[in-house]
Structure formats: structure tokens, C-alpha cells
């Protein structure tokens, strides 16, 4: 009976841990311009997919939680408000905890 009472807590803990559904990271804008668009796309995918900053610009100094869909390689693309873009390819998504947009490049840690 006691084991049955613990089951909901175990299920809740698994759900909070992500249940294997994706890998969280944080996007940091360390550039001097707002980031207008940001994309994470699996390697080999056609196009960039959904803009993760679509609701508003990411101001300089701002952060945004993002999530890689799961294990595998990804391409990253950031577009500043002035239309300039930077890309980074062949990133192992689930090994990334932080993506930093700098004035001239992307950096992953």
C-alpha cells in the first residue's frame, strides 16, 4: 500500500525531470543589439523551423530558456534586429547548457 502512495510522487518527479523529452539550455544575448530571431534545427532538417524569439526581441543582456528536442546534432541561427545573422553548425544539443550571442559570433558552453 505504501508503494502505491509513492507512485504519484515518482511520476511527478519523472515529469519534472523532462522524462527524456529534450535538453534545456539558456540563450543569452551578450551583444549590443537586440536579437530578433533565433532557431535550433536538427542537422539535416530542411529550413530552420520555428523562430524561438517570435513573441518579441531579446534585448541586450536578456535571457531566454530554450530546449533541444533531444540527443543529436543541431544548427543554430541568430538574427539581430539590423538583419545581420550568424550561424553555428554541428552542435551536440544535449551537451549545451548555455548559448551566448556575441557581437560577432555564437558561443556554446
PDB file of N, CA and C in Angstrom:
ATOM      1  N   UNK A   1       0.822  -1.195   0.000  1.00  0.00           N
ATOM      2  CA  UNK A   1       0.000   0.000   0.000  1.00  0.00           C
ATOM      3  C   UNK A   1       0.866   1.260   0.000  1.00  0.00           C
ATOM      4  N   UNK A   2       1.945   1.233   0.793  1.00  0.00           N
ATOM      5  CA  UNK A   2       2.833   2.379   0.858  1.00  0.00           C
ATOM      6  C   UNK A   2       3.487   2.651  -0.501  1.00  0.00           C
ATOM      7  N   UNK A   3       3.829   1.589  -1.224  1.00  0.00           N
ATOM      8  CA  UNK A   3       4.438   1.744  -2.547  1.00  0.00           C
ATOM      9  C   UNK A   3       3.475   2.430  -3.506  1.00  0.00           C
ATOM     10  N   UNK A   4       2.185   2.142  -3.387  1.00  0.00           N
ATOM     11  CA  UNK A   4       1.196   2.773  -4.261  1.00  0.00           C
ATOM     12  C   UNK A   4       1.077   4.263  -3.970  1.00  0.00           C
ATOM     13  N   UNK A   5       1.219   4.655  -2.723  1.00  0.00           N
ATOM     14  CA  UNK A   5       1.156   6.076  -2.372  1.00  0.00           C
ATOM     15  C   UNK A   5       2.355   6.837  -2.923  1.00  0.00           C
ATOM     16  N   UNK A   6       3.485   6.173  -3.059  1.00  0.00           N
ATOM     17  CA  UNK A   6       4.690   6.826  -3.569  1.00  0.00           C
ATOM     18  C   UNK A   6       4.676   6.957  -5.092  1.00  0.00           C
ATOM     19  N   UNK A   7       3.858   6.172  -5.771  1.00  0.00           N
ATOM     20  CA  UNK A   7       3.827   6.182  -7.228  1.00  0.00           C
ATOM     21  C   UNK A   7       3.542   7.562  -7.824  1.00  0.00           C
ATOM     22  N   UNK A   8       2.531   8.303  -7.351  1.00  0.00           N
ATOM     23  CA  UNK A   8       2.308   9.633  -7.931  1.00  0.00           C
ATOM     24  C   UNK A   8       3.510  10.563  -7.780  1.00  0.00           C
ATOM     25  N   UNK A   9       4.217  10.460  -6.669  1.00  0.00           N
ATOM     26  CA  UNK A   9       5.404  11.295  -6.474  1.00  0.00           C
ATOM     27  C   UNK A   9       6.513  10.922  -7.453  1.00  0.00           C
ATOM     28  N   UNK A  10       6.666   9.629  -7.708  1.00  0.00           N
ATOM     29  CA  UNK A  10       7.671   9.195  -8.675  1.00  0.00           C
ATOM     30  C   UNK A  10       7.321   9.665 -10.082  1.00  0.00           C
ATOM     31  N   UNK A  11       6.052   9.593 -10.442  1.00  0.00           N
ATOM     32  CA  UNK A  11       5.616  10.057 -11.759  1.00  0.00           C
ATOM     33  C   UNK A  11       5.820  11.557 -11.905  1.00  0.00           C
ATOM     34  N   UNK A  12       5.525  12.301 -10.855  1.00  0.00           N
ATOM     35  CA  UNK A  12       5.725  13.746 -10.880  1.00  0.00           C
ATOM     36  C   UNK A  12       7.206  14.083 -11.023  1.00  0.00           C
ATOM     37  N   UNK A  13       8.056  13.380 -10.306  1.00  0.00           N
ATOM     38  CA  UNK A  13       9.498  13.620 -10.396  1.00  0.00           C
ATOM     39  C   UNK A  13      10.013  13.332 -11.804  1.00  0.00           C
ATOM     40  N   UNK A  14       9.523  12.269 -12.425  1.00  0.00           N
ATOM     41  CA  UNK A  14       9.938  11.944 -13.794  1.00  0.00           C
ATOM     42  C   UNK A  14       9.486  13.022 -14.765  1.00  0.00           C
ATOM     43  N   UNK A  15       8.286  13.537 -14.575  1.00  0.00           N
ATOM     44  CA  UNK A  15       7.774  14.590 -15.458  1.00  0.00           C
ATOM     45  C   UNK A  15       8.590  15.865 -15.305  1.00  0.00           C
ATOM     46  N   UNK A  16       8.944  16.205 -14.080  1.00  0.00           N
ATOM     47  CA  UNK A  16       9.729  17.412 -13.844  1.00  0.00           C
ATOM     48  C   UNK A  16      11.142  17.273 -14.400  1.00  0.00           C
ATOM     49  N   UNK A  17      11.649  16.076 -14.429  1.00  0.00           N
ATOM     50  CA  UNK A  17      12.990  15.846 -14.962  1.00  0.00           C
ATOM     51  C   UNK A  17      12.998  15.864 -16.477  1.00  0.00           C
ATOM     52  N   UNK A  18      11.852  15.967 -17.097  1.00  0.00           N
ATOM     53  CA  UNK A  18      11.780  16.030 -18.542  1.00  0.00           C
ATOM     54  C   UNK A  18      11.421  14.712 -19.175  1.00  0.00           C
ATOM     55  N   UNK A  19      11.529  13.626 -18.427  1.00  0.00           N
ATOM     56  CA  UNK A  19      11.136  12.327 -18.953  1.00  0.00           C
ATOM     57  C   UNK A  19      11.853  11.969 -20.246  1.00  0.00           C
ATOM     58  N   UNK A  20      13.074  12.486 -20.456  1.00  0.00           N
ATOM     59  CA  UNK A  20      13.802  12.180 -21.666  1.00  0.00           C
ATOM     60  C   UNK A  20      13.347  12.994 -22.867  1.00  0.00           C
ATOM     61  N   UNK A  21      12.491  13.952 -22.663  1.00  0.00           N
ATOM     62  CA  UNK A  21      11.961  14.755 -23.763  1.00  0.00           C
ATOM     63  C   UNK A  21      12.692  16.085 -23.869  1.00  0.00           C
ATOM     64  N   UNK A  22      13.865  16.065 -24.414  1.00  0.00           N
ATOM     65  CA  UNK A  22      14.569  17.310 -24.665  1.00  0.00           C
ATOM     66  C   UNK A  22      15.609  17.642 -23.623  1.00  0.00           C
ATOM     67  N   UNK A  23      16.409  18.614 -23.989  1.00  0.00           N
ATOM     68  CA  UNK A  23      17.509  19.057 -23.138  1.00  0.00           C
ATOM     69  C   UNK A  23      17.445  20.572 -23.004  1.00  0.00           C
ATOM     70  N   UNK A  24      17.294  21.084 -21.797  1.00  0.00           N
ATOM     71  CA  UNK A  24      17.173  22.530 -21.606  1.00  0.00           C
ATOM     72  C   UNK A  24      18.512  23.249 -21.747  1.00  0.00           C
ATOM     73  N   UNK A  25      18.428  24.482 -22.195  1.00  0.00           N
ATOM     74  CA  UNK A  25      19.585  25.378 -22.281  1.00  0.00           C
ATOM     75  C   UNK A  25      19.055  26.799 -22.118  1.00  0.00           C
ATOM     76  N   UNK A  26      19.957  27.743 -21.992  1.00  0.00           N
ATOM     77  CA  UNK A  26      19.546  29.146 -21.900  1.00  0.00           C
ATOM     78  C   UNK A  26      20.251  29.928 -23.008  1.00  0.00           C
ATOM     79  N   UNK A  27      19.493  30.779 -23.667  1.00  0.00           N
ATOM     80  CA  UNK A  27      20.021  31.681 -24.687  1.00  0.00           C
ATOM     81  C   UNK A  27      20.304  33.018 -24.014  1.00  0.00           C
ATOM     82  N   UNK A  28      21.517  33.537 -24.169  1.00  0.00           N
ATOM     83  CA  UNK A  28      21.927  34.797 -23.552  1.00  0.00           C
ATOM     84  C   UNK A  28      22.338  35.768 -24.657  1.00  0.00           C
ATOM     85  N   UNK A  29      21.769  36.954 -24.641  1.00  0.00           N
ATOM     86  CA  UNK A  29      22.166  37.975 -25.606  1.00  0.00           C
ATOM     87  C   UNK A  29      23.227  38.871 -24.974  1.00  0.00           C
ATOM     88  N   UNK A  30      24.493  38.593 -25.295  1.00  0.00           N
ATOM     89  CA  UNK A  30      25.609  39.397 -24.791  1.00  0.00           C
ATOM     90  C   UNK A  30      26.101  40.371 -25.861  1.00  0.00           C
ATOM     91  N   UNK A  31      25.279  40.593 -26.881  1.00  0.00           N
ATOM     92  CA  UNK A  31      25.649  41.533 -27.943  1.00  0.00           C
ATOM     93  C   UNK A  31      25.090  42.917 -27.627  1.00  0.00           C
ATOM     94  N   UNK A  32      25.422  43.883 -28.466  1.00  0.00           N
ATOM     95  CA  UNK A  32      24.949  45.250 -28.258  1.00  0.00           C
ATOM     96  C   UNK A  32      23.614  45.521 -28.935  1.00  0.00           C
ATOM     97  N   UNK A  33      23.136  44.570 -29.741  1.00  0.00           N
ATOM     98  CA  UNK A  33      21.875  44.735 -30.462  1.00  0.00           C
ATOM     99  C   UNK A  33      20.842  43.720 -29.995  1.00  0.00           C
ATOM    100  N   UNK A  34      19.560  44.041 -30.115  1.00  0.00           N
ATOM    101  CA  UNK A  34      18.526  43.046 -29.822  1.00  0.00           C
ATOM    102  C   UNK A  34      18.599  41.886 -30.819  1.00  0.00           C
ATOM    103  N   UNK A  35      18.313  40.687 -30.351  1.00  0.00           N
ATOM    104  CA  UNK A  35      18.195  39.517 -31.225  1.00  0.00           C
ATOM    105  C   UNK A  35      16.726  39.418 -31.615  1.00  0.00           C
ATOM    106  N   UNK A  36      16.474  39.422 -32.913  1.00  0.00           N
ATOM    107  CA  UNK A  36      15.108  39.423 -33.431  1.00  0.00           C
ATOM    108  C   UNK A  36      14.593  38.011 -33.699  1.00  0.00           C
ATOM    109  N   UNK A  37      15.508  37.089 -34.065  1.00  0.00           N
ATOM    110  CA  UNK A  37      15.129  35.708 -34.370  1.00  0.00           C
ATOM    111  C   UNK A  37      16.203  34.762 -33.847  1.00  0.00           C
ATOM    112  N   UNK A  38      15.767  33.571 -33.410  1.00  0.00           N
ATOM    113  CA  UNK A  38      16.710  32.524 -33.017  1.00  0.00           C
ATOM    114  C   UNK A  38      16.106  31.180 -33.362  1.00  0.00           C
ATOM    115  N   UNK A  39      16.937  30.310 -33.947  1.00  0.00           N
ATOM    116  CA  UNK A  39      16.475  28.998 -34.399  1.00  0.00           C
ATOM    117  C   UNK A  39      17.407  27.894 -33.921  1.00  0.00           C
ATOM    118  N   UNK A  40      16.818  26.747 -33.589  1.00  0.00           N
ATOM    119  CA  UNK A  40      17.534  25.499 -33.328  1.00  0.00           C
ATOM    120  C   UNK A  40      16.970  24.493 -34.321  1.00  0.00           C
ATOM    121  N   UNK A  41      17.795  23.928 -35.170  1.00  0.00           N
ATOM    122  CA  UNK A  41      17.301  22.951 -36.149  1.00  0.00           C
ATOM    123  C   UNK A  41      18.174  21.709 -36.112  1.00  0.00           C
ATOM    124  N   UNK A  42      17.539  20.553 -36.123  1.00  0.00           N
ATOM    125  CA  UNK A  42      18.294  19.298 -36.178  1.00  0.00           C
ATOM    126  C   UNK A  42      19.122  19.260 -37.451  1.00  0.00           C
ATOM    127  N   UNK A  43      20.310  18.691 -37.362  1.00  0.00           N
ATOM    128  CA  UNK A  43      21.163  18.540 -38.541  1.00  0.00           C
ATOM    129  C   UNK A  43      20.394  17.759 -39.605  1.00  0.00           C
ATOM    130  N   UNK A  44      20.460  18.221 -40.826  1.00  0.00           N
ATOM    131  CA  UNK A  44      19.771  17.555 -41.926  1.00  0.00           C
ATOM    132  C   UNK A  44      18.342  18.000 -42.147  1.00  0.00           C
ATOM    133  N   UNK A  45      17.801  18.808 -41.243  1.00  0.00           N
ATOM    134  CA  UNK A  45      16.422  19.290 -41.396  1.00  0.00           C
ATOM    135  C   UNK A  45      16.367  20.307 -42.532  1.00  0.00           C
ATOM    136  N   UNK A  46      15.211  20.377 -43.185  1.00  0.00           N
ATOM    137  CA  UNK A  46      15.019  21.388 -44.224  1.00  0.00           C
ATOM    138  C   UNK A  46      14.559  22.676 -43.560  1.00  0.00           C
ATOM    139  N   UNK A  47      15.272  23.750 -43.799  1.00  0.00           N
ATOM    140  CA  UNK A  47      14.903  25.033 -43.217  1.00  0.00           C
ATOM    141  C   UNK A  47      15.264  25.104 -41.743  1.00  0.00           C
ATOM    142  N   UNK A  48      14.943  26.238 -41.148  1.00  0.00           N
ATOM    143  CA  UNK A  48      15.289  26.489 -39.750  1.00  0.00           C
ATOM    144  C   UNK A  48      14.160  26.203 -38.785  1.00  0.00           C
ATOM    145  N   UNK A  49      12.942  26.066 -39.259  1.00  0.00           N
ATOM    146  CA  UNK A  49      11.839  25.786 -38.344  1.00  0.00           C
ATOM    147  C   UNK A  49      11.300  27.042 -37.692  1.00  0.00           C
ATOM    148  N   UNK A  50      10.854  26.893 -36.457  1.00  0.00           N
ATOM    149  CA  UNK A  50      10.167  27.958 -35.730  1.00  0.00           C
ATOM    150  C   UNK A  50      11.144  28.933 -35.073  1.00  0.00           C
ATOM    151  N   UNK A  51      10.849  30.212 -35.210  1.00  0.00           N
ATOM    152  CA  UNK A  51      11.617  31.259 -34.537  1.00  0.00           C
ATOM    153  C   UNK A  51      11.288  31.208 -33.046  1.00  0.00           C
ATOM    154  N   UNK A  52      12.291  30.982 -32.210  1.00  0.00           N
ATOM    155  CA  UNK A  52      12.070  30.852 -30.768  1.00  0.00           C
ATOM    156  C   UNK A  52      11.944  32.191 -30.052  1.00  0.00           C
ATOM    157  N   UNK A  53      12.196  33.301 -30.758  1.00  0.00           N
ATOM    158  CA  UNK A  53      12.071  34.632 -30.166  1.00  0.00           C
ATOM    159  C   UNK A  53      10.892  35.363 -30.810  1.00  0.00           C
ATOM    160  N   UNK A  54       9.989  34.648 -31.425  1.00  0.00           N
ATOM    161  CA  UNK A  54       8.919  35.231 -32.245  1.00  0.00           C
ATOM    162  C   UNK A  54       8.055  36.249 -31.499  1.00  0.00           C
ATOM    163  N   UNK A  55       7.856  36.075 -30.214  1.00  0.00           N
ATOM    164  CA  UNK A  55       6.947  36.957 -29.462  1.00  0.00           C
ATOM    165  C   UNK A  55       7.489  38.383 -29.338  1.00  0.00           C
ATOM    166  N   UNK A  56       8.794  38.541 -29.239  1.00  0.00           N
ATOM    167  CA  UNK A  56       9.413  39.863 -29.069  1.00  0.00           C
ATOM    168  C   UNK A  56      10.908  39.729 -29.310  1.00  0.00           C
ATOM    169  N   UNK A  57      11.600  40.842 -29.330  1.00  0.00           N
ATOM    170  CA  UNK A  57      13.056  40.814 -29.448  1.00  0.00           C
ATOM    171  C   UNK A  57      13.676  40.430 -28.110  1.00  0.00           C
ATOM    172  N   UNK A  58      14.860  39.823 -28.175  1.00  0.00           N
ATOM    173  CA  UNK A  58      15.630  39.530 -26.966  1.00  0.00           C
ATOM    174  C   UNK A  58      16.637  40.670 -26.801  1.00  0.00           C
ATOM    175  N   UNK A  59      16.383  41.527 -25.830  1.00  0.00           N
ATOM    176  CA  UNK A  59      17.191  42.729 -25.608  1.00  0.00           C
ATOM    177  C   UNK A  59      18.618  42.370 -25.198  1.00  0.00           C
ATOM    178  N   UNK A  60      19.573  43.270 -25.429  1.00  0.00           N
ATOM    179  CA  UNK A  60      20.926  43.047 -24.929  1.00  0.00           C
ATOM    180  C   UNK A  60      20.887  42.779 -23.416  1.00  0.00           C
ATOM    181  N   UNK A  61      21.595  41.737 -22.999  1.00  0.00           N
ATOM    182  CA  UNK A  61      21.590  41.336 -21.595  1.00  0.00           C
ATOM    183  C   UNK A  61      20.454  40.398 -21.239  1.00  0.00           C
ATOM    184  N   UNK A  62      19.516  40.194 -22.151  1.00  0.00           N
ATOM    185  CA  UNK A  62      18.365  39.337 -21.884  1.00  0.00           C
ATOM    186  C   UNK A  62      18.684  37.859 -22.021  1.00  0.00           C
ATOM    187  N   UNK A  63      17.834  37.043 -21.406  1.00  0.00           N
ATOM    188  CA  UNK A  63      17.977  35.588 -21.490  1.00  0.00           C
ATOM    189  C   UNK A  63      16.644  34.967 -21.877  1.00  0.00           C
ATOM    190  N   UNK A  64      16.717  33.770 -22.445  1.00  0.00           N
ATOM    191  CA  UNK A  64      15.526  33.044 -22.863  1.00  0.00           C
ATOM    192  C   UNK A  64      15.781  31.554 -22.693  1.00  0.00           C
ATOM    193  N   UNK A  65      14.924  30.841 -21.958  1.00  0.00           N
ATOM    194  CA  UNK A  65      15.099  29.390 -21.878  1.00  0.00           C
ATOM    195  C   UNK A  65      14.725  28.757 -23.214  1.00  0.00           C
ATOM    196  N   UNK A  66      15.547  27.817 -23.673  1.00  0.00           N
ATOM    197  CA  UNK A  66      15.279  27.081 -24.906  1.00  0.00           C
ATOM    198  C   UNK A  66      15.447  25.594 -24.614  1.00  0.00           C
ATOM    199  N   UNK A  67      14.982  24.762 -25.525  1.00  0.00           N
ATOM    200  CA  UNK A  67      15.068  23.316 -25.317  1.00  0.00           C
ATOM    201  C   UNK A  67      15.401  22.627 -26.633  1.00  0.00           C
ATOM    202  N   UNK A  68      16.481  21.842 -26.620  1.00  0.00           N
ATOM    203  CA  UNK A  68      16.791  20.974 -27.743  1.00  0.00           C
ATOM    204  C   UNK A  68      15.818  19.800 -27.684  1.00  0.00           C
ATOM    205  N   UNK A  69      15.326  19.336 -28.835  1.00  0.00           N
ATOM    206  CA  UNK A  69      14.326  18.265 -28.869  1.00  0.00           C
ATOM    207  C   UNK A  69      14.836  16.963 -28.278  1.00  0.00           C
ATOM    208  N   UNK A  70      16.118  16.742 -28.321  1.00  0.00           N
ATOM    209  CA  UNK A  70      16.701  15.511 -27.798  1.00  0.00           C
ATOM    210  C   UNK A  70      18.146  15.388 -28.247  1.00  0.00           C
ATOM    211  N   UNK A  71      18.722  14.219 -27.995  1.00  0.00           N
ATOM    212  CA  UNK A  71      20.110  13.958 -28.373  1.00  0.00           C
ATOM    213  C   UNK A  71      20.279  14.155 -29.871  1.00  0.00           C
ATOM    214  N   UNK A  72      21.464  14.532 -30.281  1.00  0.00           N
ATOM    215  CA  UNK A  72      21.761  14.677 -31.697  1.00  0.00           C
ATOM    216  C   UNK A  72      22.434  15.997 -32.003  1.00  0.00           C
ATOM    217  N   UNK A  73      22.727  16.175 -33.255  1.00  0.00           N
ATOM    218  CA  UNK A  73      23.419  17.374 -33.723  1.00  0.00           C
ATOM    219  C   UNK A  73      22.417  18.404 -34.224  1.00  0.00           C
ATOM    220  N   UNK A  74      22.764  19.680 -34.011  1.00  0.00           N
ATOM    221  CA  UNK A  74      21.882  20.793 -34.351  1.00  0.00           C
ATOM    222  C   UNK A  74      22.664  21.911 -35.022  1.00  0.00           C
ATOM    223  N   UNK A  75      21.920  22.748 -35.728  1.00  0.00           N
ATOM    224  CA  UNK A  75      22.431  24.012 -36.225  1.00  0.00           C
ATOM    225  C   UNK A  75      21.739  25.126 -35.460  1.00  0.00           C
ATOM    226  N   UNK A  76      22.450  26.216 -35.216  1.00  0.00           N
ATOM    227  CA  UNK A  76      21.908  27.372 -34.508  1.00  0.00           C
ATOM    228  C   UNK A  76      21.977  28.575 -35.438  1.00  0.00           C
ATOM    229  N   UNK A  77      20.985  29.437 -35.359  1.00  0.00           N
ATOM    230  CA  UNK A  77      20.987  30.670 -36.163  1.00  0.00           C
ATOM    231  C   UNK A  77      20.386  31.794 -35.342  1.00  0.00           C
ATOM    232  N   UNK A  78      21.118  32.907 -35.253  1.00  0.00           N
ATOM    233  CA  UNK A  78      20.619  34.112 -34.587  1.00  0.00           C
ATOM    234  C   UNK A  78      20.591  35.238 -35.611  1.00  0.00           C
ATOM    235  N   UNK A  79      19.534  36.055 -35.553  1.00  0.00           N
ATOM    236  CA  UNK A  79      19.397  37.207 -36.440  1.00  0.00           C
ATOM    237  C   UNK A  79      19.177  38.434 -35.564  1.00  0.00           C
ATOM    238  N   UNK A  80      20.057  39.430 -35.724  1.00  0.00           N
ATOM    239  CA  UNK A  80      19.925  40.663 -34.962  1.00  0.00           C
ATOM    240  C   UNK A  80      18.855  41.558 -35.577  1.00  0.00           C
ATOM    241  N   UNK A  81      18.453  42.572 -34.864  1.00  0.00           N
ATOM    242  CA  UNK A  81      17.409  43.497 -35.317  1.00  0.00           C
ATOM    243  C   UNK A  81      17.811  44.246 -36.588  1.00  0.00           C
ATOM    244  N   UNK A  82      19.106  44.357 -36.864  1.00  0.00           N
ATOM    245  CA  UNK A  82      19.562  45.039 -38.082  1.00  0.00           C
ATOM    246  C   UNK A  82      19.593  44.110 -39.298  1.00  0.00           C
ATOM    247  N   UNK A  83      19.167  42.845 -39.117  1.00  0.00           N
ATOM    248  CA  UNK A  83      19.107  41.886 -40.217  1.00  0.00           C
ATOM    249  C   UNK A  83      20.343  41.022 -40.383  1.00  0.00           C
ATOM    250  N   UNK A  84      21.423  41.362 -39.706  1.00  0.00           N
ATOM    251  CA  UNK A  84      22.641  40.550 -39.773  1.00  0.00           C
ATOM    252  C   UNK A  84      22.405  39.231 -39.050  1.00  0.00           C
ATOM    253  N   UNK A  85      23.007  38.148 -39.559  1.00  0.00           N
ATOM    254  CA  UNK A  85      22.788  36.825 -38.970  1.00  0.00           C
ATOM    255  C   UNK A  85      24.119  36.119 -38.734  1.00  0.00           C
ATOM    256  N   UNK A  86      24.097  35.165 -37.817  1.00  0.00           N
ATOM    257  CA  UNK A  86      25.254  34.323 -37.540  1.00  0.00           C
ATOM    258  C   UNK A  86      24.736  32.903 -37.327  1.00  0.00           C
ATOM    259  N   UNK A  87      25.509  31.926 -37.786  1.00  0.00           N
ATOM    260  CA  UNK A  87      25.114  30.522 -37.655  1.00  0.00           C
ATOM    261  C   UNK A  87      26.252  29.710 -37.062  1.00  0.00           C
ATOM    262  N   UNK A  88      25.880  28.602 -36.444  1.00  0.00           N
ATOM    263  CA  UNK A  88      26.843  27.642 -35.916  1.00  0.00           C
ATOM    264  C   UNK A  88      26.260  26.259 -36.187  1.00  0.00           C
ATOM    265  N   UNK A  89      27.061  25.374 -36.752  1.00  0.00           N
ATOM    266  CA  UNK A  89      26.582  24.049 -37.139  1.00  0.00           C
ATOM    267  C   UNK A  89      27.231  22.946 -36.310  1.00  0.00           C
ATOM    268  N   UNK A  90      26.605  21.771 -36.374  1.00  0.00           N
ATOM    269  CA  UNK A  90      27.164  20.542 -35.812  1.00  0.00           C
ATOM    270  C   UNK A  90      27.358  20.608 -34.298  1.00  0.00           C
ATOM    271  N   UNK A  91      26.368  21.175 -33.615  1.00  0.00           N
ATOM    272  CA  UNK A  91      26.396  21.304 -32.156  1.00  0.00           C
ATOM    273  C   UNK A  91      25.705  20.094 -31.541  1.00  0.00           C
ATOM    274  N   UNK A  92      26.327  19.471 -30.570  1.00  0.00           N
ATOM    275  CA  UNK A  92      25.708  18.355 -29.846  1.00  0.00           C
ATOM    276  C   UNK A  92      24.761  18.956 -28.809  1.00  0.00           C
ATOM    277  N   UNK A  93      23.472  18.999 -29.146  1.00  0.00           N
ATOM    278  CA  UNK A  93      22.476  19.727 -28.373  1.00  0.00           C
ATOM    279  C   UNK A  93      22.430  19.431 -26.887  1.00  0.00           C
ATOM    280  N   UNK A  94      22.434  18.177 -26.515  1.00  0.00           N
ATOM    281  CA  UNK A  94      22.269  17.838 -25.100  1.00  0.00           C
ATOM    282  C   UNK A  94      23.541  18.046 -24.280  1.00  0.00           C
ATOM    283  N   UNK A  95      24.597  18.498 -24.913  1.00  0.00           N
ATOM    284  CA  UNK A  95      25.819  18.847 -24.174  1.00  0.00           C
ATOM    285  C   UNK A  95      25.926  20.350 -23.964  1.00  0.00           C
ATOM    286  N   UNK A  96      24.921  21.083 -24.419  1.00  0.00           N
ATOM    287  CA  UNK A  96      24.930  22.542 -24.338  1.00  0.00           C
ATOM    288  C   UNK A  96      24.024  23.001 -23.200  1.00  0.00           C
ATOM    289  N   UNK A  97      24.542  23.822 -22.316  1.00  0.00           N
ATOM    290  CA  UNK A  97      23.735  24.394 -21.237  1.00  0.00           C
ATOM    291  C   UNK A  97      23.462  25.873 -21.477  1.00  0.00           C
ATOM    292  N   UNK A  98      24.344  26.513 -22.257  1.00  0.00           N
ATOM    293  CA  UNK A  98      24.236  27.960 -22.467  1.00  0.00           C
ATOM    294  C   UNK A  98      24.668  28.300 -23.894  1.00  0.00           C
ATOM    295  N   UNK A  99      23.861  29.120 -24.551  1.00  0.00           N
ATOM    296  CA  UNK A  99      24.172  29.630 -25.888  1.00  0.00           C
ATOM    297  C   UNK A  99      24.283  31.143 -25.747  1.00  0.00           C
ATOM    298  N   UNK A 100      25.438  31.691 -26.080  1.00  0.00           N
ATOM    299  CA  UNK A 100      25.648  33.128 -25.943  1.00  0.00           C
ATOM    300  C   UNK A 100      25.778  33.764 -27.321  1.00  0.00           C
ATOM    301  N   UNK A 101      24.960  34.786 -27.557  1.00  0.00           N
ATOM    302  CA  UNK A 101      25.058  35.573 -28.784  1.00  0.00           C
ATOM    303  C   UNK A 101      25.981  36.744 -28.480  1.00  0.00           C
ATOM    304  N   UNK A 102      27.118  36.782 -29.158  1.00  0.00           N
ATOM    305  CA  UNK A 102      28.070  37.881 -29.015  1.00  0.00           C
ATOM    306  C   UNK A 102      27.929  38.799 -30.227  1.00  0.00           C
ATOM    307  N   UNK A 103      28.641  39.905 -30.250  1.00  0.00           N
ATOM    308  CA  UNK A 103      28.518  40.861 -31.351  1.00  0.00           C
ATOM    309  C   UNK A 103      28.903  40.280 -32.710  1.00  0.00           C
ATOM    310  N   UNK A 104      29.756  39.266 -32.716  1.00  0.00           N
ATOM    311  CA  UNK A 104      30.228  38.737 -33.991  1.00  0.00           C
ATOM    312  C   UNK A 104      30.139  37.221 -34.107  1.00  0.00           C
ATOM    313  N   UNK A 105      29.572  36.536 -33.122  1.00  0.00           N
ATOM    314  CA  UNK A 105      29.578  35.074 -33.146  1.00  0.00           C
ATOM    315  C   UNK A 105      28.601  34.486 -32.133  1.00  0.00           C
ATOM    316  N   UNK A 106      28.399  33.180 -32.261  1.00  0.00           N
ATOM    317  CA  UNK A 106      27.678  32.397 -31.257  1.00  0.00           C
ATOM    318  C   UNK A 106      28.706  31.604 -30.465  1.00  0.00           C
ATOM    319  N   UNK A 107      28.428  31.400 -29.195  1.00  0.00           N
ATOM    320  CA  UNK A 107      29.303  30.606 -28.334  1.00  0.00           C
ATOM    321  C   UNK A 107      28.428  29.625 -27.575  1.00  0.00           C
ATOM    322  N   UNK A 108      28.861  28.364 -27.499  1.00  0.00           N
ATOM    323  CA  UNK A 108      28.113  27.374 -26.718  1.00  0.00           C
ATOM    324  C   UNK A 108      28.993  26.844 -25.595  1.00  0.00           C
ATOM    325  N   UNK A 109      28.361  26.585 -24.484  1.00  0.00           N
ATOM    326  CA  UNK A 109      29.059  26.035 -23.313  1.00  0.00           C
ATOM    327  C   UNK A 109      28.238  24.888 -22.777  1.00  0.00           C
TER     328      UNK A 109
END
